[in-house]
């Protein structure tokens, strides 16, 4: 069985819930940058590389939600993600 810590579906990010390892392989689905930030804060995602990649995908989710950059929407999302680690 192949376990991927981070899976991008195109419209969501699936993160391996590291709190459930090694007993279970469970994924947390994030559809917004806020959900990604919460996953980082709650330690679902661990390790600097995984946190960095997750945050980058969080920015991609923010961009997909705000198709037109409204004011500082992406700057706000970046701030939320930076504050999560």
PDB file of N, CA and C in Angstrom:
ATOM      1  N   UNK A   1       0.846  -1.176   0.000  1.00  0.00           N
ATOM      2  CA  UNK A   1       0.000   0.000   0.000  1.00  0.00           C
ATOM      3  C   UNK A   1       0.887   1.233   0.000  1.00  0.00           C
ATOM      4  N   UNK A   2       0.656   2.124  -0.942  1.00  0.00           N
ATOM      5  CA  UNK A   2       1.423   3.361  -1.053  1.00  0.00           C
ATOM      6  C   UNK A   2       0.743   4.461  -0.238  1.00  0.00           C
ATOM      7  N   UNK A   3       1.497   5.073   0.656  1.00  0.00           N
ATOM      8  CA  UNK A   3       0.964   6.147   1.483  1.00  0.00           C
ATOM      9  C   UNK A   3       1.616   7.449   1.044  1.00  0.00           C
ATOM     10  N   UNK A   4       0.805   8.391   0.604  1.00  0.00           N
ATOM     11  CA  UNK A   4       1.288   9.699   0.184  1.00  0.00           C
ATOM     12  C   UNK A   4       0.930  10.709   1.267  1.00  0.00           C
ATOM     13  N   UNK A   5       1.897  11.456   1.785  1.00  0.00           N
ATOM     14  CA  UNK A   5       1.583  12.402   2.855  1.00  0.00           C
ATOM     15  C   UNK A   5       0.738  13.588   2.396  1.00  0.00           C
ATOM     16  N   UNK A   6       0.864  13.949   1.110  1.00  0.00           N
ATOM     17  CA  UNK A   6       0.122  15.094   0.569  1.00  0.00           C
ATOM     18  C   UNK A   6      -0.399  14.704  -0.806  1.00  0.00           C
ATOM     19  N   UNK A   7      -1.718  14.902  -0.999  1.00  0.00           N
ATOM     20  CA  UNK A   7      -2.332  14.605  -2.299  1.00  0.00           C
ATOM     21  C   UNK A   7      -3.131  15.818  -2.756  1.00  0.00           C
ATOM     22  N   UNK A   8      -2.864  16.272  -3.970  1.00  0.00           N
ATOM     23  CA  UNK A   8      -3.583  17.394  -4.575  1.00  0.00           C
ATOM     24  C   UNK A   8      -4.585  16.835  -5.558  1.00  0.00           C
ATOM     25  N   UNK A   9      -5.860  17.224  -5.408  1.00  0.00           N
ATOM     26  CA  UNK A   9      -6.903  16.701  -6.291  1.00  0.00           C
ATOM     27  C   UNK A   9      -7.299  17.683  -7.378  1.00  0.00           C
ATOM     28  N   UNK A  10      -6.776  18.895  -7.308  1.00  0.00           N
ATOM     29  CA  UNK A  10      -7.151  19.921  -8.275  1.00  0.00           C
ATOM     30  C   UNK A  10      -8.044  20.973  -7.651  1.00  0.00           C
ATOM     31  N   UNK A  11      -8.906  20.555  -6.729  1.00  0.00           N
ATOM     32  CA  UNK A  11      -9.766  21.524  -6.035  1.00  0.00           C
ATOM     33  C   UNK A  11      -9.718  21.351  -4.517  1.00  0.00           C
ATOM     34  N   UNK A  12      -8.891  20.408  -4.060  1.00  0.00           N
ATOM     35  CA  UNK A  12      -8.720  20.227  -2.613  1.00  0.00           C
ATOM     36  C   UNK A  12      -7.353  19.596  -2.347  1.00  0.00           C
ATOM     37  N   UNK A  13      -6.966  19.682  -1.090  1.00  0.00           N
ATOM     38  CA  UNK A  13      -5.704  19.114  -0.648  1.00  0.00           C
ATOM     39  C   UNK A  13      -6.026  18.034   0.374  1.00  0.00           C
ATOM     40  N   UNK A  14      -5.478  16.867   0.186  1.00  0.00           N
ATOM     41  CA  UNK A  14      -5.677  15.771   1.130  1.00  0.00           C
ATOM     42  C   UNK A  14      -4.372  15.553   1.876  1.00  0.00           C
ATOM     43  N   UNK A  15      -4.439  15.682   3.195  1.00  0.00           N
ATOM     44  CA  UNK A  15      -3.254  15.570   4.035  1.00  0.00           C
ATOM     45  C   UNK A  15      -3.342  14.320   4.892  1.00  0.00           C
ATOM     46  N   UNK A  16      -2.266  13.559   4.913  1.00  0.00           N
ATOM     47  CA  UNK A  16      -2.193  12.386   5.771  1.00  0.00           C
ATOM     48  C   UNK A  16      -2.228  12.868   7.218  1.00  0.00           C
ATOM     49  N   UNK A  17      -3.199  12.389   7.977  1.00  0.00           N
ATOM     50  CA  UNK A  17      -3.326  12.798   9.373  1.00  0.00           C
ATOM     51  C   UNK A  17      -2.265  12.061  10.186  1.00  0.00           C
ATOM     52  N   UNK A  18      -1.188  12.763  10.477  1.00  0.00           N
ATOM     53  CA  UNK A  18      -0.069  12.137  11.166  1.00  0.00           C
ATOM     54  C   UNK A  18      -0.357  11.877  12.634  1.00  0.00           C
ATOM     55  N   UNK A  19      -1.443  12.441  13.152  1.00  0.00           N
ATOM     56  CA  UNK A  19      -1.853  12.149  14.524  1.00  0.00           C
ATOM     57  C   UNK A  19      -2.394  10.728  14.648  1.00  0.00           C
ATOM     58  N   UNK A  20      -2.851  10.161  13.553  1.00  0.00           N
ATOM     59  CA  UNK A  20      -3.472   8.832  13.568  1.00  0.00           C
ATOM     60  C   UNK A  20      -2.485   7.706  13.261  1.00  0.00           C
ATOM     61  N   UNK A  21      -1.283   8.076  12.811  1.00  0.00           N
ATOM     62  CA  UNK A  21      -0.273   7.068  12.504  1.00  0.00           C
ATOM     63  C   UNK A  21       0.281   6.483  13.791  1.00  0.00           C
ATOM     64  N   UNK A  22       0.745   5.283  13.845  1.00  0.00           N
ATOM     65  CA  UNK A  22       0.853   4.297  12.768  1.00  0.00           C
ATOM     66  C   UNK A  22      -0.337   3.354  12.686  1.00  0.00           C
ATOM     67  N   UNK A  23      -1.308   3.538  13.562  1.00  0.00           N
ATOM     68  CA  UNK A  23      -2.432   2.591  13.610  1.00  0.00           C
ATOM     69  C   UNK A  23      -3.375   2.698  12.414  1.00  0.00           C
ATOM     70  N   UNK A  24      -3.588   3.939  11.950  1.00  0.00           N
ATOM     71  CA  UNK A  24      -4.549   4.157  10.867  1.00  0.00           C
ATOM     72  C   UNK A  24      -3.959   5.074   9.814  1.00  0.00           C
ATOM     73  N   UNK A  25      -4.392   4.890   8.587  1.00  0.00           N
ATOM     74  CA  UNK A  25      -4.067   5.803   7.499  1.00  0.00           C
ATOM     75  C   UNK A  25      -5.347   6.562   7.173  1.00  0.00           C
ATOM     76  N   UNK A  26      -5.385   7.824   7.622  1.00  0.00           N
ATOM     77  CA  UNK A  26      -6.572   8.667   7.470  1.00  0.00           C
ATOM     78  C   UNK A  26      -6.135   9.986   6.837  1.00  0.00           C
ATOM     79  N   UNK A  27      -6.916  10.465   5.890  1.00  0.00           N
ATOM     80  CA  UNK A  27      -6.621  11.740   5.237  1.00  0.00           C
ATOM     81  C   UNK A  27      -7.617  12.806   5.672  1.00  0.00           C
ATOM     82  N   UNK A  28      -7.121  14.028   5.807  1.00  0.00           N
ATOM     83  CA  UNK A  28      -7.946  15.198   6.101  1.00  0.00           C
ATOM     84  C   UNK A  28      -8.051  15.985   4.803  1.00  0.00           C
ATOM     85  N   UNK A  29      -9.257  16.292   4.368  1.00  0.00           N
ATOM     86  CA  UNK A  29      -9.463  17.050   3.142  1.00  0.00           C
ATOM     87  C   UNK A  29      -9.608  18.530   3.470  1.00  0.00           C
ATOM     88  N   UNK A  30      -8.800  19.341   2.799  1.00  0.00           N
ATOM     89  CA  UNK A  30      -8.837  20.797   2.981  1.00  0.00           C
ATOM     90  C   UNK A  30      -9.271  21.438   1.670  1.00  0.00           C
ATOM     91  N   UNK A  31     -10.282  22.294   1.740  1.00  0.00           N
ATOM     92  CA  UNK A  31     -10.782  22.981   0.548  1.00  0.00           C
ATOM     93  C   UNK A  31     -10.512  24.478   0.569  1.00  0.00           C
ATOM     94  N   UNK A  32      -9.985  24.968   1.696  1.00  0.00           N
ATOM     95  CA  UNK A  32      -9.664  26.393   1.823  1.00  0.00           C
ATOM     96  C   UNK A  32      -8.297  26.535   2.490  1.00  0.00           C
ATOM     97  N   UNK A  33      -7.723  27.729   2.328  1.00  0.00           N
ATOM     98  CA  UNK A  33      -6.435  27.983   2.984  1.00  0.00           C
ATOM     99  C   UNK A  33      -6.599  27.971   4.499  1.00  0.00           C
ATOM    100  N   UNK A  34      -7.762  28.376   4.983  1.00  0.00           N
ATOM    101  CA  UNK A  34      -8.020  28.346   6.427  1.00  0.00           C
ATOM    102  C   UNK A  34      -7.986  26.906   6.948  1.00  0.00           C
ATOM    103  N   UNK A  35      -8.562  25.978   6.215  1.00  0.00           N
ATOM    104  CA  UNK A  35      -8.538  24.571   6.629  1.00  0.00           C
ATOM    105  C   UNK A  35      -7.114  24.020   6.632  1.00  0.00           C
ATOM    106  N   UNK A  36      -6.300  24.457   5.663  1.00  0.00           N
ATOM    107  CA  UNK A  36      -4.901  24.034   5.641  1.00  0.00           C
ATOM    108  C   UNK A  36      -4.184  24.577   6.870  1.00  0.00           C
ATOM    109  N   UNK A  37      -4.417  25.843   7.190  1.00  0.00           N
ATOM    110  CA  UNK A  37      -3.794  26.452   8.370  1.00  0.00           C
ATOM    111  C   UNK A  37      -4.200  25.707   9.641  1.00  0.00           C
ATOM    112  N   UNK A  38      -5.460  25.330   9.743  1.00  0.00           N
ATOM    113  CA  UNK A  38      -5.921  24.576  10.912  1.00  0.00           C
ATOM    114  C   UNK A  38      -5.243  23.205  10.989  1.00  0.00           C
ATOM    115  N   UNK A  39      -5.044  22.567   9.845  1.00  0.00           N
ATOM    116  CA  UNK A  39      -4.371  21.264   9.824  1.00  0.00           C
ATOM    117  C   UNK A  39      -2.922  21.409  10.296  1.00  0.00           C
ATOM    118  N   UNK A  40      -2.284  22.504   9.919  1.00  0.00           N
ATOM    119  CA  UNK A  40      -0.907  22.741  10.362  1.00  0.00           C
ATOM    120  C   UNK A  40      -0.886  23.018  11.864  1.00  0.00           C
ATOM    121  N   UNK A  41      -1.783  23.874  12.334  1.00  0.00           N
ATOM    122  CA  UNK A  41      -1.835  24.215  13.762  1.00  0.00           C
ATOM    123  C   UNK A  41      -2.107  22.998  14.633  1.00  0.00           C
ATOM    124  N   UNK A  42      -2.979  22.128  14.178  1.00  0.00           N
ATOM    125  CA  UNK A  42      -3.380  20.977  14.987  1.00  0.00           C
ATOM    126  C   UNK A  42      -2.419  19.795  14.849  1.00  0.00           C
ATOM    127  N   UNK A  43      -1.320  19.991  14.129  1.00  0.00           N
ATOM    128  CA  UNK A  43      -0.270  18.980  13.964  1.00  0.00           C
ATOM    129  C   UNK A  43      -0.691  17.796  13.097  1.00  0.00           C
ATOM    130  N   UNK A  44      -1.737  17.967  12.295  1.00  0.00           N
ATOM    131  CA  UNK A  44      -2.072  16.933  11.307  1.00  0.00           C
ATOM    132  C   UNK A  44      -0.893  16.784  10.356  1.00  0.00           C
ATOM    133  N   UNK A  45      -0.279  17.927  10.024  1.00  0.00           N
ATOM    134  CA  UNK A  45       0.904  17.965   9.158  1.00  0.00           C
ATOM    135  C   UNK A  45       2.109  18.242  10.051  1.00  0.00           C
ATOM    136  N   UNK A  46       3.161  17.458   9.882  1.00  0.00           N
ATOM    137  CA  UNK A  46       4.367  17.642  10.699  1.00  0.00           C
ATOM    138  C   UNK A  46       5.600  17.669   9.814  1.00  0.00           C
ATOM    139  N   UNK A  47       6.583  18.421  10.261  1.00  0.00           N
ATOM    140  CA  UNK A  47       7.855  18.504   9.545  1.00  0.00           C
ATOM    141  C   UNK A  47       7.882  19.699   8.619  1.00  0.00           C
ATOM    142  N   UNK A  48       8.996  20.400   8.640  1.00  0.00           N
ATOM    143  CA  UNK A  48       9.123  21.635   7.857  1.00  0.00           C
ATOM    144  C   UNK A  48       8.818  21.458   6.366  1.00  0.00           C
ATOM    145  N   UNK A  49       9.352  20.431   5.706  1.00  0.00           N
ATOM    146  CA  UNK A  49       9.040  20.298   4.276  1.00  0.00           C
ATOM    147  C   UNK A  49       7.540  20.117   4.010  1.00  0.00           C
ATOM    148  N   UNK A  50       6.892  19.262   4.786  1.00  0.00           N
ATOM    149  CA  UNK A  50       5.452  19.017   4.581  1.00  0.00           C
ATOM    150  C   UNK A  50       4.634  20.264   4.911  1.00  0.00           C
ATOM    151  N   UNK A  51       5.042  20.995   5.941  1.00  0.00           N
ATOM    152  CA  UNK A  51       4.336  22.228   6.290  1.00  0.00           C
ATOM    153  C   UNK A  51       4.484  23.248   5.167  1.00  0.00           C
ATOM    154  N   UNK A  52       5.682  23.392   4.626  1.00  0.00           N
ATOM    155  CA  UNK A  52       5.907  24.340   3.536  1.00  0.00           C
ATOM    156  C   UNK A  52       5.119  24.002   2.285  1.00  0.00           C
ATOM    157  N   UNK A  53       5.118  22.731   1.919  1.00  0.00           N
ATOM    158  CA  UNK A  53       4.370  22.300   0.729  1.00  0.00           C
ATOM    159  C   UNK A  53       2.870  22.484   0.960  1.00  0.00           C
ATOM    160  N   UNK A  54       2.393  22.138   2.142  1.00  0.00           N
ATOM    161  CA  UNK A  54       0.968  22.297   2.462  1.00  0.00           C
ATOM    162  C   UNK A  54       0.563  23.763   2.396  1.00  0.00           C
ATOM    163  N   UNK A  55       1.404  24.644   2.942  1.00  0.00           N
ATOM    164  CA  UNK A  55       1.107  26.076   2.913  1.00  0.00           C
ATOM    165  C   UNK A  55       1.070  26.596   1.473  1.00  0.00           C
ATOM    166  N   UNK A  56       1.975  26.105   0.622  1.00  0.00           N
ATOM    167  CA  UNK A  56       1.962  26.519  -0.784  1.00  0.00           C
ATOM    168  C   UNK A  56       0.666  26.081  -1.465  1.00  0.00           C
ATOM    169  N   UNK A  57       0.229  24.858  -1.189  1.00  0.00           N
ATOM    170  CA  UNK A  57      -1.046  24.410  -1.740  1.00  0.00           C
ATOM    171  C   UNK A  57      -2.204  25.214  -1.141  1.00  0.00           C
ATOM    172  N   UNK A  58      -2.065  25.633   0.121  1.00  0.00           N
ATOM    173  CA  UNK A  58      -3.073  26.506   0.726  1.00  0.00           C
ATOM    174  C   UNK A  58      -3.215  27.807  -0.038  1.00  0.00           C
ATOM    175  N   UNK A  59      -2.090  28.353  -0.486  1.00  0.00           N
ATOM    176  CA  UNK A  59      -2.136  29.573  -1.307  1.00  0.00           C
ATOM    177  C   UNK A  59      -2.823  29.302  -2.648  1.00  0.00           C
ATOM    178  N   UNK A  60      -2.564  28.128  -3.218  1.00  0.00           N
ATOM    179  CA  UNK A  60      -3.233  27.764  -4.477  1.00  0.00           C
ATOM    180  C   UNK A  60      -4.743  27.658  -4.260  1.00  0.00           C
ATOM    181  N   UNK A  61      -5.160  27.110  -3.125  1.00  0.00           N
ATOM    182  CA  UNK A  61      -6.598  27.038  -2.819  1.00  0.00           C
ATOM    183  C   UNK A  61      -7.183  28.435  -2.659  1.00  0.00           C
ATOM    184  N   UNK A  62      -6.450  29.336  -1.992  1.00  0.00           N
ATOM    185  CA  UNK A  62      -6.930  30.712  -1.819  1.00  0.00           C
ATOM    186  C   UNK A  62      -7.087  31.382  -3.172  1.00  0.00           C
ATOM    187  N   UNK A  63      -6.138  31.173  -4.060  1.00  0.00           N
ATOM    188  CA  UNK A  63      -6.204  31.765  -5.397  1.00  0.00           C
ATOM    189  C   UNK A  63      -7.380  31.211  -6.174  1.00  0.00           C
ATOM    190  N   UNK A  64      -7.674  29.916  -6.023  1.00  0.00           N
ATOM    191  CA  UNK A  64      -8.792  29.334  -6.767  1.00  0.00           C
ATOM    192  C   UNK A  64     -10.133  29.854  -6.249  1.00  0.00           C
ATOM    193  N   UNK A  65     -10.190  30.172  -4.950  1.00  0.00           N
ATOM    194  CA  UNK A  65     -11.427  30.711  -4.387  1.00  0.00           C
ATOM    195  C   UNK A  65     -11.617  32.158  -4.814  1.00  0.00           C
ATOM    196  N   UNK A  66     -10.540  32.920  -4.768  1.00  0.00           N
ATOM    197  CA  UNK A  66     -10.584  34.329  -5.156  1.00  0.00           C
ATOM    198  C   UNK A  66     -10.041  34.441  -6.569  1.00  0.00           C
ATOM    199  N   UNK A  67     -10.853  34.050  -7.553  1.00  0.00           N
ATOM    200  CA  UNK A  67     -10.411  34.050  -8.943  1.00  0.00           C
ATOM    201  C   UNK A  67      -9.867  35.421  -9.347  1.00  0.00           C
ATOM    202  N   UNK A  68     -10.510  36.458  -8.883  1.00  0.00           N
ATOM    203  CA  UNK A  68     -10.006  37.804  -9.086  1.00  0.00           C
ATOM    204  C   UNK A  68      -9.461  38.242  -7.747  1.00  0.00           C
ATOM    205  N   UNK A  69      -8.232  38.685  -7.729  1.00  0.00           N
ATOM    206  CA  UNK A  69      -7.625  39.100  -6.468  1.00  0.00           C
ATOM    207  C   UNK A  69      -8.344  40.340  -5.972  1.00  0.00           C
ATOM    208  N   UNK A  70      -9.048  40.187  -4.853  1.00  0.00           N
ATOM    209  CA  UNK A  70      -9.835  41.261  -4.269  1.00  0.00           C
ATOM    210  C   UNK A  70      -9.031  41.862  -3.126  1.00  0.00           C
ATOM    211  N   UNK A  71      -8.616  43.112  -3.300  1.00  0.00           N
ATOM    212  CA  UNK A  71      -7.852  43.758  -2.241  1.00  0.00           C
ATOM    213  C   UNK A  71      -6.678  42.901  -1.824  1.00  0.00           C
ATOM    214  N   UNK A  72      -6.621  42.561  -0.567  1.00  0.00           N
ATOM    215  CA  UNK A  72      -5.508  41.785  -0.048  1.00  0.00           C
ATOM    216  C   UNK A  72      -5.887  40.359   0.281  1.00  0.00           C
ATOM    217  N   UNK A  73      -6.800  39.744  -0.472  1.00  0.00           N
ATOM    218  CA  UNK A  73      -7.279  38.395  -0.145  1.00  0.00           C
ATOM    219  C   UNK A  73      -6.138  37.391  -0.064  1.00  0.00           C
ATOM    220  N   UNK A  74      -5.235  37.418  -1.021  1.00  0.00           N
ATOM    221  CA  UNK A  74      -4.119  36.467  -0.990  1.00  0.00           C
ATOM    222  C   UNK A  74      -3.116  36.835   0.090  1.00  0.00           C
ATOM    223  N   UNK A  75      -2.941  38.133   0.326  1.00  0.00           N
ATOM    224  CA  UNK A  75      -2.050  38.562   1.406  1.00  0.00           C
ATOM    225  C   UNK A  75      -2.617  38.094   2.743  1.00  0.00           C
ATOM    226  N   UNK A  76      -3.933  38.199   2.906  1.00  0.00           N
ATOM    227  CA  UNK A  76      -4.580  37.730   4.130  1.00  0.00           C
ATOM    228  C   UNK A  76      -4.382  36.221   4.293  1.00  0.00           C
ATOM    229  N   UNK A  77      -4.608  35.464   3.212  1.00  0.00           N
ATOM    230  CA  UNK A  77      -4.437  34.011   3.266  1.00  0.00           C
ATOM    231  C   UNK A  77      -2.996  33.668   3.626  1.00  0.00           C
ATOM    232  N   UNK A  78      -2.041  34.402   3.058  1.00  0.00           N
ATOM    233  CA  UNK A  78      -0.620  34.166   3.374  1.00  0.00           C
ATOM    234  C   UNK A  78      -0.365  34.417   4.859  1.00  0.00           C
ATOM    235  N   UNK A  79      -0.952  35.456   5.390  1.00  0.00           N
ATOM    236  CA  UNK A  79      -0.778  35.760   6.813  1.00  0.00           C
ATOM    237  C   UNK A  79      -1.330  34.661   7.707  1.00  0.00           C
ATOM    238  N   UNK A  80      -2.483  34.128   7.340  1.00  0.00           N
ATOM    239  CA  UNK A  80      -3.097  33.045   8.124  1.00  0.00           C
ATOM    240  C   UNK A  80      -2.199  31.809   8.093  1.00  0.00           C
ATOM    241  N   UNK A  81      -1.680  31.492   6.907  1.00  0.00           N
ATOM    242  CA  UNK A  81      -0.826  30.302   6.775  1.00  0.00           C
ATOM    243  C   UNK A  81       0.510  30.502   7.501  1.00  0.00           C
ATOM    244  N   UNK A  82       1.072  31.689   7.416  1.00  0.00           N
ATOM    245  CA  UNK A  82       2.341  31.950   8.105  1.00  0.00           C
ATOM    246  C   UNK A  82       2.134  31.831   9.621  1.00  0.00           C
ATOM    247  N   UNK A  83       1.012  32.329  10.111  1.00  0.00           N
ATOM    248  CA  UNK A  83       0.746  32.279  11.534  1.00  0.00           C
ATOM    249  C   UNK A  83       0.409  30.897  12.060  1.00  0.00           C
ATOM    250  N   UNK A  84       0.207  29.942  11.170  1.00  0.00           N
ATOM    251  CA  UNK A  84      -0.211  28.612  11.592  1.00  0.00           C
ATOM    252  C   UNK A  84       0.944  27.733  12.040  1.00  0.00           C
ATOM    253  N   UNK A  85       2.151  28.053  11.632  1.00  0.00           N
ATOM    254  CA  UNK A  85       3.273  27.160  11.967  1.00  0.00           C
ATOM    255  C   UNK A  85       3.985  27.557  13.232  1.00  0.00           C
TER     256      UNK A  85
END
